[in-house]
Amino acid sequence: MVTSVMEELTMQIPNADKMLSVNGIGLVTVAGFISEVGDISRFKKPKQIQKYAGFELVENSSGKHKGRTTISKRKIIYQVVLPLIRINQEFGSIYDYYRKRIKNPLKGRQAMIAVGCKLIRVFFAIMTKGVVFNGTKMIEDIHRPTQLPQAA
């Protein structure tokens, strides 16, 4: 009953059905994203949604003590990233790239946040432009260094 009502209400939002085309994204994620963000047209850039969603890194430090780096809030996007990188090959490859890149590799949580930010950008494009998710195009749009810099 609750799921059918949630689905009915979610599908009333323009392009919500296209968000479900992302492998590994389900109705609860789409409904949660839409409910947290609200009207997507109030944002000009996906970066604004990232800040609104609490995807800023916060370090718990004091004086000489350097604490753990965490995100400022845990929201729906962060909670969906772990299953997403396991289920979705394209998002999994983005996660692996951030973890294993030669210059500035990220730790696990940092890479998950980077993938979450990518998901926000994908959702933003789907919601504002009405495009259908294309994992191959998403991977091709990422600029990665093809070779190592030469030693001087």
Foldseek 3Di string as FASTA:
>chain_A
DVVVVLVVVLVVQPLLVLLCLQWQDDSVLSSQLCVQCPDLVVDPALVVVCVSQQLDWDWDDDDPDTHDIDTRDDGSLLVSLVSSLVGGVLLVVQLVCQQDPPPNRDDNSVSSSVSSSLSSRVVSCCNPVVDHDDSVVSNVPDDDDPDDDDDD
